[in-house]
Protein backbone atom coordinates (compact mmCIF):
# COMPACT_ATOMS: atom_id res chain seq x y z
CA MET A 1 -7.47 -27.93 -26.84
CA GLU A 2 -3.64 -27.83 -26.65
CA ASN A 3 -2.11 -26.11 -23.67
CA LYS A 4 1.17 -24.61 -24.26
CA LEU A 5 3.60 -24.65 -21.42
CA LEU A 6 6.04 -21.71 -21.93
CA ALA A 7 9.19 -20.65 -20.12
CA ARG A 8 9.55 -17.18 -18.49
CA TYR A 9 12.74 -16.05 -16.77
CA PRO A 10 13.73 -13.92 -13.80
CA LEU A 11 13.67 -10.24 -14.32
CA GLY A 12 16.25 -7.66 -13.34
CA TYR A 13 18.74 -5.19 -14.29
CA GLU A 14 21.70 -6.85 -16.25
CA LYS A 15 24.31 -4.98 -14.11
CA ARG A 16 22.85 -6.19 -10.61
CA THR A 17 22.70 -9.65 -9.25
CA TRP A 18 19.26 -9.61 -7.74
CA LYS A 19 16.53 -10.83 -9.94
CA GLN A 20 12.74 -10.97 -9.50
CA ASP A 21 11.07 -14.17 -9.82
CA TYR A 22 7.37 -13.40 -8.75
CA PHE A 23 4.86 -10.50 -9.04
CA ILE A 24 5.28 -8.31 -5.97
CA LEU A 25 2.59 -6.98 -3.74
CA SER A 26 4.01 -4.81 -1.00
CA LEU A 27 3.13 -1.93 1.30
CA SER A 28 5.08 0.83 2.80
CA SER A 29 5.02 -0.31 6.48
CA PRO A 30 2.61 -2.11 8.72
CA ALA A 31 4.02 -0.01 11.50
CA PRO A 32 2.01 2.97 13.03
CA PHE A 33 3.53 5.97 11.39
CA GLY A 34 5.44 8.32 13.93
CA THR A 35 6.59 5.50 16.01
CA GLU A 36 10.08 7.09 16.42
CA LYS A 37 8.33 9.71 18.59
CA LEU A 38 7.15 7.01 21.16
CA LYS A 39 8.92 5.15 23.68
CA GLU A 40 10.76 2.18 22.33
CA LYS A 41 9.41 0.00 24.97
CA ASP A 42 5.66 0.97 24.43
CA ALA A 43 3.97 -2.40 24.90
CA LEU A 44 0.70 -1.56 23.43
CA THR A 45 2.31 0.24 20.28
CA ARG A 46 4.45 -3.00 19.83
CA GLN A 47 1.61 -5.32 20.23
CA LYS A 48 -0.36 -3.27 17.67
CA LEU A 49 2.57 -3.32 15.16
CA ARG A 50 2.78 -7.31 15.76
CA ARG A 51 -0.97 -7.42 14.84
CA SER A 52 -0.66 -5.31 11.82
CA VAL A 53 2.22 -7.63 10.47
CA LYS A 54 -0.13 -10.47 10.68
CA THR A 55 -3.19 -8.46 9.07
CA SER A 56 -0.95 -7.34 6.18
CA ILE A 57 0.21 -11.03 5.44
CA ASP A 58 -3.70 -12.06 5.73
CA ALA A 59 -4.45 -9.40 3.12
CA GLY A 60 -2.19 -11.14 0.66
CA PHE A 61 0.84 -8.89 0.73
CA ASN A 62 4.11 -10.70 -0.04
CA LEU A 63 6.71 -8.00 0.70
CA LEU A 64 6.55 -5.63 3.74
CA GLY A 65 8.26 -2.32 4.05
CA CYS A 66 9.64 -0.57 7.03
CA LEU A 67 8.98 3.07 6.08
CA TRP A 68 9.22 5.48 8.92
CA ALA A 69 9.89 2.73 11.44
CA ASP A 70 12.32 3.42 14.30
CA SER A 71 15.15 0.80 15.16
CA THR A 72 13.17 -1.36 17.42
CA SER A 73 9.89 -1.11 15.20
CA ALA A 74 11.90 -2.11 12.17
CA MET A 75 13.28 -5.20 13.80
CA ASP A 76 9.83 -5.99 15.29
CA ILE A 77 8.44 -6.14 11.60
CA VAL A 78 11.43 -8.31 10.53
CA ARG A 79 11.21 -10.88 13.59
CA CYS A 80 7.46 -11.07 13.13
CA ALA A 81 7.67 -11.67 9.27
CA GLU A 82 10.20 -14.38 9.81
CA GLY A 83 7.79 -16.30 11.88
CA TYR A 84 5.12 -15.85 9.32
CA GLY A 85 7.48 -16.85 6.45
CA ALA A 86 7.10 -13.33 4.78
CA LYS A 87 9.56 -11.05 3.31
CA VAL A 88 10.58 -7.56 4.30
CA LEU A 89 12.28 -4.51 2.80
CA PHE A 90 14.33 -3.24 5.79
CA GLN A 91 14.54 0.34 6.48
CA ASP A 92 16.03 2.14 9.64
CA LEU A 93 16.03 5.84 9.05
CA LYS A 94 17.90 6.27 12.33
CA GLY A 95 20.50 3.77 11.06
CA PHE A 96 21.11 4.50 7.36
CA GLY A 97 19.72 6.23 4.23
CA GLY A 98 17.44 9.10 4.13
CA MET A 99 13.98 10.65 2.77
CA GLY A 100 13.73 13.08 -0.01
CA ASP A 101 16.38 15.97 -0.05
CA SER A 102 17.91 15.06 3.48
CA ASN A 103 19.55 12.61 5.71
CA ILE A 104 16.88 13.35 8.37
CA PHE A 105 17.33 10.91 11.23
CA CYS A 106 20.41 8.95 11.32
CA GLN A 107 23.69 10.48 12.65
CA LYS A 108 25.80 8.21 10.41
CA ASN A 109 25.08 6.14 7.39
CA ASP A 110 25.62 2.81 8.77
CA LEU A 111 24.18 0.56 6.01
CA LEU A 112 26.93 -2.08 6.88
CA GLY A 113 25.72 -2.25 10.41
CA ALA A 114 22.11 -2.81 9.44
CA ILE A 115 23.20 -5.56 6.89
CA ASP A 116 25.15 -7.21 9.71
CA LYS A 117 22.21 -6.97 12.28
CA THR A 118 19.80 -8.57 9.99
CA ALA A 119 22.11 -10.95 8.17
CA ASN A 120 20.64 -14.17 10.08
CA TYR A 121 17.10 -13.23 9.16
CA ASP A 122 15.60 -15.17 6.23
CA SER A 123 12.67 -12.52 5.90
CA VAL A 124 14.98 -9.66 4.82
CA MET A 125 14.71 -9.75 1.05
CA GLY A 126 16.65 -6.23 0.66
CA TYR A 127 17.35 -2.82 2.18
CA CYS A 128 15.18 0.35 1.24
CA LEU A 129 18.42 2.74 0.86
CA TRP A 130 16.95 6.13 0.45
CA ASP A 131 13.37 7.00 -0.03
CA GLU A 132 12.93 9.56 -3.06
CA PRO A 133 16.47 10.97 -3.33
CA ILE A 134 16.56 14.29 -5.22
CA LEU A 135 19.67 15.99 -4.81
CA ASP A 136 22.72 15.02 -7.05
CA GLU A 137 24.91 14.28 -4.12
CA HIS A 138 22.38 11.84 -2.58
CA LEU A 139 21.88 10.04 -6.02
CA THR A 140 25.63 9.35 -5.80
CA VAL A 141 25.58 8.26 -2.18
CA VAL A 142 22.51 5.86 -2.90
CA ARG A 143 24.84 4.53 -5.91
CA LYS A 144 27.62 3.74 -3.36
CA MET A 145 25.05 2.04 -1.13
CA VAL A 146 23.72 -0.09 -3.84
CA GLU A 147 27.31 -1.27 -4.61
CA GLU A 148 27.76 -2.21 -0.99
CA VAL A 149 24.87 -4.50 -1.01
CA GLU A 150 26.05 -5.96 -4.32
CA ARG A 151 29.44 -6.49 -2.71
CA ILE A 152 28.40 -7.70 0.51
CA CYS A 153 25.01 -9.55 -0.20
CA PRO A 154 24.08 -9.71 -3.89
CA GLU A 155 21.19 -11.73 -3.36
CA LYS A 156 19.35 -9.00 -1.48
CA LEU A 157 17.54 -6.29 -3.38
CA ALA A 158 19.23 -2.80 -3.08
CA TYR A 159 15.99 -0.59 -3.22
CA THR A 160 15.12 3.08 -3.75
CA VAL A 161 12.08 5.01 -4.86
CA ALA A 162 11.95 7.68 -7.42
CA VAL A 163 10.46 11.05 -6.77
CA PRO A 164 6.94 11.75 -8.66
CA ASP A 165 6.52 14.61 -10.88
CA TYR A 166 4.21 16.54 -8.58
CA HIS A 167 6.44 16.34 -5.43
CA PRO A 168 6.69 19.78 -3.79
CA LEU A 169 10.40 19.54 -2.88
CA CYS A 170 11.31 19.03 -6.62
CA ARG A 171 9.69 22.21 -8.22
CA TRP A 172 9.92 20.42 -11.65
CA GLU A 173 9.86 22.39 -14.87
CA ASP A 174 7.13 21.09 -17.03
CA ASP A 175 9.52 18.94 -19.07
CA ALA A 176 11.96 17.91 -16.00
CA PHE A 177 10.67 14.69 -14.86
CA ALA A 178 11.79 12.48 -17.70
CA PRO A 179 15.53 13.78 -17.43
CA TYR A 180 15.33 13.29 -13.62
CA ILE A 181 14.41 9.69 -14.05
CA ASP A 182 17.17 9.08 -16.45
CA LYS A 183 19.60 10.79 -14.03
CA PHE A 184 18.26 8.80 -11.14
CA LEU A 185 18.63 5.39 -13.29
CA ASP A 186 21.91 6.31 -14.82
CA THR A 187 23.39 7.32 -11.46
CA ILE A 188 22.06 4.67 -9.28
CA GLU A 189 21.46 1.80 -11.65
CA PRO A 190 19.10 -0.09 -9.41
CA SER A 191 17.67 -3.44 -9.86
CA VAL A 192 14.13 -1.98 -10.42
CA LEU A 193 12.50 1.41 -11.16
CA SER A 194 10.03 2.20 -8.35
CA PHE A 195 8.05 5.50 -8.21
CA ASP A 196 5.00 6.72 -6.61
CA TYR A 197 2.03 8.86 -7.29
CA TYR A 198 -0.96 9.84 -4.87
CA PRO A 199 -3.37 11.91 -6.68
CA VAL A 200 -6.93 11.65 -5.03
CA GLY A 201 -6.94 14.66 -2.64
CA LYS A 202 -4.27 16.68 -3.94
CA ARG A 203 -4.76 20.41 -4.17
CA GLU A 204 -5.65 20.31 -8.17
CA TYR A 205 -7.70 17.04 -7.61
CA ASP A 206 -11.29 17.46 -8.98
CA GLU A 207 -13.95 15.04 -7.84
CA LYS A 208 -15.85 15.47 -11.00
CA LEU A 209 -12.85 14.89 -13.15
CA GLN A 210 -11.81 11.82 -11.22
CA LEU A 211 -8.17 10.82 -12.41
CA ASP A 212 -8.84 12.33 -15.97
CA ASN A 213 -6.57 15.47 -15.21
CA SER A 214 -3.75 13.63 -13.32
CA THR A 215 -0.24 13.85 -14.52
CA MET A 216 0.01 10.31 -12.91
CA TRP A 217 -0.65 9.06 -16.51
CA SER A 218 2.33 10.73 -17.98
CA ASP A 219 4.60 9.87 -15.14
CA LEU A 220 3.69 6.32 -15.67
CA GLU A 221 4.49 6.55 -19.54
CA ILE A 222 7.82 8.27 -18.74
CA ALA A 223 8.63 5.46 -16.09
CA ARG A 224 7.45 2.75 -18.47
CA ARG A 225 9.74 3.87 -21.25
CA ALA A 226 12.63 4.61 -18.90
CA ALA A 227 12.40 1.02 -17.40
CA GLN A 228 11.99 -0.80 -20.73
CA LYS A 229 14.95 1.07 -22.36
CA ARG A 230 17.16 -0.37 -19.61
CA ASN A 231 15.18 -3.76 -19.44
CA MET A 232 14.43 -3.55 -15.69
CA PRO A 233 11.27 -4.23 -13.81
CA LEU A 234 8.88 -1.12 -13.03
CA TRP A 235 7.31 -1.00 -9.71
CA PHE A 236 4.32 1.38 -8.73
CA TYR A 237 3.40 2.85 -5.49
CA TYR A 238 -0.21 3.67 -5.33
CA GLN A 239 -2.59 5.28 -2.98
CA GLU A 240 -4.49 3.14 -0.52
CA HIS A 241 -6.57 5.37 1.46
CA HIS A 242 -7.27 9.02 2.63
CA TYR A 243 -4.07 10.92 3.41
CA HIS A 244 -3.77 13.74 6.19
CA PHE A 245 -0.87 15.50 4.21
CA HIS A 246 -3.24 16.29 1.14
CA GLY A 247 -4.63 18.97 3.53
CA TRP A 248 -8.40 18.94 2.92
CA ASP A 249 -11.29 16.65 3.55
CA TYR A 250 -12.39 14.35 0.74
CA ASP A 251 -14.24 10.85 0.52
CA PHE A 252 -12.10 7.98 -0.30
CA THR A 253 -13.33 4.55 -1.62
CA PHE A 254 -11.47 1.37 -2.28
CA PRO A 255 -12.16 1.54 -5.91
CA MET A 256 -10.11 4.66 -6.25
CA ALA A 257 -7.16 2.65 -4.94
CA ARG A 258 -8.12 -0.27 -7.34
CA ALA A 259 -7.95 2.28 -10.21
CA MET A 260 -4.83 3.47 -9.35
CA ALA A 261 -3.22 0.14 -8.66
CA ASN A 262 -4.44 -1.27 -11.88
CA ALA A 263 -3.16 1.84 -13.63
CA GLY A 264 0.37 0.35 -12.81
CA ILE A 265 -0.31 -2.92 -14.11
CA LEU A 266 -1.99 -1.33 -17.23
CA TYR A 267 1.55 0.00 -17.80
CA GLY A 268 3.47 -3.09 -17.26
CA ALA A 269 4.41 -2.94 -13.57
CA LYS A 270 5.85 -6.03 -12.09
CA GLY A 271 5.15 -4.74 -8.61
CA LEU A 272 2.28 -2.89 -6.85
CA GLU A 273 3.30 -1.07 -3.56
CA ALA A 274 0.35 0.30 -1.50
CA TYR A 275 1.38 3.41 0.48
CA VAL A 276 -0.42 2.91 3.82
CA GLU A 277 -0.31 5.31 6.72
CA PHE A 278 -1.60 2.69 9.19
CA ASP A 279 -5.04 2.97 7.97
CA GLY A 280 -7.16 1.64 5.08
CA PHE A 281 -6.96 -2.01 5.22
CA ILE A 282 -5.44 -1.84 8.71
CA ASP A 283 -7.39 -0.82 11.80
CA PRO A 284 -5.40 2.20 13.09
CA TYR A 285 -6.65 1.55 16.62
CA THR A 286 -5.99 -2.31 16.94
CA GLY A 287 -3.72 -3.23 14.05
CA LYS A 288 -6.27 -5.73 12.88
CA GLU A 289 -8.62 -5.79 9.88
CA GLY A 290 -9.67 -2.26 8.78
CA ALA A 291 -12.23 -0.59 6.55
CA PHE A 292 -10.54 -1.99 3.42
CA PHE A 293 -9.46 -5.19 4.46
CA ASP A 294 -11.95 -7.42 2.48
CA GLU A 295 -11.60 -5.36 -0.70
CA GLN A 296 -7.94 -5.21 -0.48
CA LYS A 297 -7.41 -8.95 0.19
CA ALA A 298 -9.81 -9.76 -2.75
CA PHE A 299 -7.72 -7.31 -5.11
CA ASN A 300 -4.40 -8.83 -4.02
CA ARG A 301 -5.55 -12.37 -4.57
CA GLU A 302 -6.79 -11.45 -8.15
CA VAL A 303 -3.46 -9.74 -8.93
CA ALA A 304 -1.60 -12.85 -7.63
CA ASN A 305 -3.52 -15.14 -9.66
CA LEU A 306 -2.71 -12.95 -12.72
CA GLY A 307 0.94 -12.47 -11.56
CA ASN A 308 2.61 -15.54 -13.42
CA THR A 309 1.07 -14.41 -16.74
CA LEU A 310 1.73 -10.70 -15.93
CA MET A 311 5.58 -11.40 -15.27
CA ALA A 312 5.78 -12.89 -18.73
CA LEU A 313 4.65 -9.98 -20.59
CA LYS A 314 6.24 -6.66 -22.05
CA CYS A 315 3.94 -3.54 -22.72
CA LYS A 316 4.20 -2.31 -26.06
CA ARG A 317 1.86 0.61 -25.90
CA VAL A 318 -0.85 2.24 -23.85
CA ILE A 319 -3.85 4.11 -25.40
CA HIS A 320 -6.46 6.11 -23.61
CA ASP A 321 -9.85 7.63 -24.69
CA ASP A 322 -10.13 11.41 -25.19
CA THR A 323 -11.22 12.25 -21.75
CA LEU A 324 -7.69 11.70 -20.34
CA LEU A 325 -5.42 14.68 -20.15
CA PRO A 326 -6.94 16.28 -23.44
CA ASP A 327 -4.56 18.75 -25.08
CA HIS A 328 -2.32 18.59 -21.75
CA LYS A 329 1.22 19.53 -22.23
CA SER A 330 2.46 16.75 -20.06
CA MET A 331 1.34 13.99 -22.74
CA VAL A 332 3.14 15.68 -25.59
CA GLY A 333 5.21 12.97 -27.13
CA LEU A 334 3.75 10.43 -24.76
CA ARG A 335 0.28 9.57 -26.25
CA SER A 336 -0.38 6.47 -28.41
CA LYS A 337 -3.31 6.78 -30.74
CA LEU A 338 -5.80 4.07 -31.25
CA SER A 339 -4.57 4.17 -35.00
CA GLU A 340 -1.23 2.73 -33.69
CA SER A 341 -2.83 -0.43 -32.11
CA GLU A 342 -2.20 -3.75 -33.49
CA LEU A 343 -5.45 -5.28 -32.15
CA LEU A 344 -7.96 -2.57 -32.02
CA THR A 345 -9.88 -0.30 -34.22
CA GLY A 346 -12.84 1.97 -33.83
CA ARG A 347 -13.02 4.13 -30.80
CA LEU A 348 -12.63 3.94 -27.00
CA PHE A 349 -15.62 4.80 -24.70
CA ALA A 350 -15.09 7.39 -21.79
CA ARG A 351 -12.69 6.56 -19.18
CA ILE A 352 -11.56 3.57 -20.78
CA SER A 353 -7.88 2.87 -21.22
CA VAL A 354 -6.14 -0.10 -22.72
CA SER A 355 -2.65 -1.54 -23.41
CA GLU A 356 -0.92 -3.97 -25.56
CA HIS A 357 1.45 -6.70 -24.36
CA GLU A 358 3.41 -9.41 -25.86
CA ASP A 359 5.24 -12.41 -24.55
CA ASP A 360 8.71 -13.72 -25.76
CA TYR A 361 6.67 -16.11 -28.16
CA GLY A 362 4.75 -13.59 -30.05
CA ASN A 363 1.51 -14.11 -27.97
CA LYS A 364 -0.41 -10.89 -28.01
CA TYR A 365 -2.51 -9.58 -24.87
CA LEU A 366 -4.94 -6.94 -24.40
CA MET A 367 -5.50 -5.20 -20.95
CA VAL A 368 -8.60 -3.11 -20.55
CA LEU A 369 -9.10 -0.69 -17.42
CA ASN A 370 -12.17 1.03 -16.41
CA ARG A 371 -10.66 4.24 -15.04
CA ASP A 372 -14.18 5.51 -13.56
CA PHE A 373 -13.90 4.56 -9.86
CA LYS A 374 -17.79 5.37 -9.52
CA ARG A 375 -19.48 3.61 -12.27
CA THR A 376 -19.60 0.03 -13.75
CA SER A 377 -18.94 0.28 -17.46
CA HIS A 378 -20.66 -1.79 -20.18
CA PHE A 379 -18.96 -1.50 -23.78
CA SER A 380 -17.54 -3.30 -26.66
CA LEU A 381 -13.97 -3.24 -28.32
CA THR A 382 -13.64 -3.72 -32.03
CA LEU A 383 -10.98 -6.01 -33.06
CA LYS A 384 -8.98 -5.45 -36.39
CA GLU A 385 -9.21 -9.16 -37.42
CA LYS A 386 -11.26 -12.19 -36.61
CA SER A 387 -9.80 -13.63 -33.40
CA ASN A 388 -10.11 -16.03 -30.98
CA ILE A 389 -10.28 -14.51 -27.46
CA TYR A 390 -9.14 -15.78 -24.06
CA GLU A 391 -9.71 -14.37 -20.77
CA VAL A 392 -6.86 -14.75 -18.30
CA SER A 393 -8.95 -15.76 -15.14
CA LYS A 394 -8.38 -13.46 -12.02
CA ASN A 395 -9.99 -16.47 -9.98
CA ASP A 396 -7.16 -18.92 -10.83
CA GLY A 397 -5.03 -17.42 -13.54
CA GLU A 398 -5.78 -19.92 -16.35
CA GLN A 399 -6.92 -18.90 -19.76
CA ARG A 400 -10.38 -19.67 -21.05
CA LEU A 401 -11.34 -19.49 -24.63
CA ILE A 402 -14.39 -17.07 -24.46
CA TYR A 403 -15.05 -16.37 -28.01
CA THR A 404 -14.12 -17.98 -31.48
CA GLY A 405 -13.56 -16.04 -34.80
CA GLU A 406 -14.99 -12.69 -33.41
CA THR A 407 -14.16 -9.11 -34.25
CA VAL A 408 -16.25 -7.56 -31.16
CA LEU A 409 -15.11 -8.14 -27.67
CA PRO A 410 -17.97 -7.32 -25.23
CA VAL A 411 -16.48 -6.00 -21.78
CA ARG A 412 -18.09 -5.23 -18.37
CA LEU A 413 -15.93 -3.81 -15.75
CA ALA A 414 -16.50 -2.64 -12.25
CA PRO A 415 -15.32 0.71 -10.85
CA GLY A 416 -11.57 0.53 -11.32
CA GLU A 417 -11.38 -3.00 -12.60
CA LEU A 418 -8.95 -4.22 -15.28
CA ALA A 419 -9.39 -7.30 -17.37
CA LEU A 420 -6.70 -9.28 -19.28
CA PHE A 421 -7.32 -11.06 -22.58
CA ARG A 422 -5.04 -12.80 -25.08
CA ILE A 423 -5.95 -12.20 -28.67
CA GLN A 424 -5.12 -15.03 -31.36
CA ASN A 425 -5.75 -14.80 -35.07
CA ALA A 426 -8.84 -16.89 -35.96
CA THR A 427 -6.85 -18.69 -38.63
CA GLU A 428 -4.67 -20.46 -36.08
CA THR A 429 -5.65 -23.39 -34.13
CA PRO A 430 -6.87 -22.48 -30.63
CA TYR A 431 -4.45 -23.25 -27.83
CA THR A 432 -4.16 -21.85 -24.33
CA VAL A 433 -0.95 -20.70 -22.59
CA GLU A 434 0.54 -21.49 -19.38
CA TYR A 435 3.90 -20.05 -17.99
CA TYR A 436 6.48 -21.44 -15.75
CA LEU A 437 9.78 -19.90 -14.24
CA ASP A 438 12.89 -21.28 -15.72
CA LYS A 439 15.84 -20.37 -13.45
CA ASP A 440 18.40 -22.71 -15.12
CA ASN A 441 18.26 -21.54 -18.62
CA ASN A 442 17.81 -17.44 -17.98
CA ALA A 443 17.38 -15.73 -21.16
């Protein structure tokens, strides 16, 4: 069988120099949160931090954030990452930027000083300029910071994160999230659109409904459309463990995190960011392997194996079964019906979502997600045409022909699991596809 080797190209907003070559697997910070309240020379805390940097890299993350780290901890992360050949998004809220609606730590916005301080470290891939800017005046400040990075070190990523719909500081009207995203992007003009959503354990979270009533889905669709309109990559911050700020006790399992992370992939995200409060896959007492380490490592490995293909695809539509946000006002104008599908007919089973993607050469792909994070799902999808069906392996990223000339695709997905298939008309001669990064002839 012929194996077609097809070019893919770096991704990034046309007005910015920085481009994305590979799928991003990042985390908010390997540092213990609240380190700014500790003595900067606390040897045990700093030793724990250094261990957690290695733990994060061993878990398969290829980009480390510095969220909430003080100046000493942020530089510790940079130096440790340098030794391991890892990458860092540098942030020091005592030195520059801010969080939400305030510049809450630093006395002055000394981004230039931070750039100068980290200039000799190859590990610094970019700078997290402001986490969730909300006020118009702060969006303008972040725009100026982006332009400073572009002027001084255009090869670095000037990074910021948008605010999710539910954020208590925002008090959105029912239809205000989309205008905020447009204002955020048109004012700042970042290289990527990154936003977060942490639904499990929120006040309105219902264990029986799981993620069915979460407006995470409408936010993802709004963000997907906004990013595609501007031809910029979408990154998605997902919830990796139980959070104290949700205010009440609830059980959290890794399949919950997997379902949310895979939701980002379903919508075409080119980066997954795990929000970690020094817990989950990290042991908060030692900085070594935590409760979710093995599961997180396995998940990161699978996504990394799919990553080369994911970077070549553009999401065309996302379709859910009827159990997701039924008749919910947040989905008005955002819901695609199965009748719009180019590939499928019939019906979707409970808590099953699909999305359709295409590469630059017209090859069509189908993603299938089991949103249920408690039960394995066995079901079949009905294709509109007789098709050759290829599965993109999470073990090595290669495409394998699994069905020839079929109209039915049997699927088995573990809780929160996603599968990726290429669908080819059966009248065509079968072939597999492999992508390579072409940086010389950037389309």
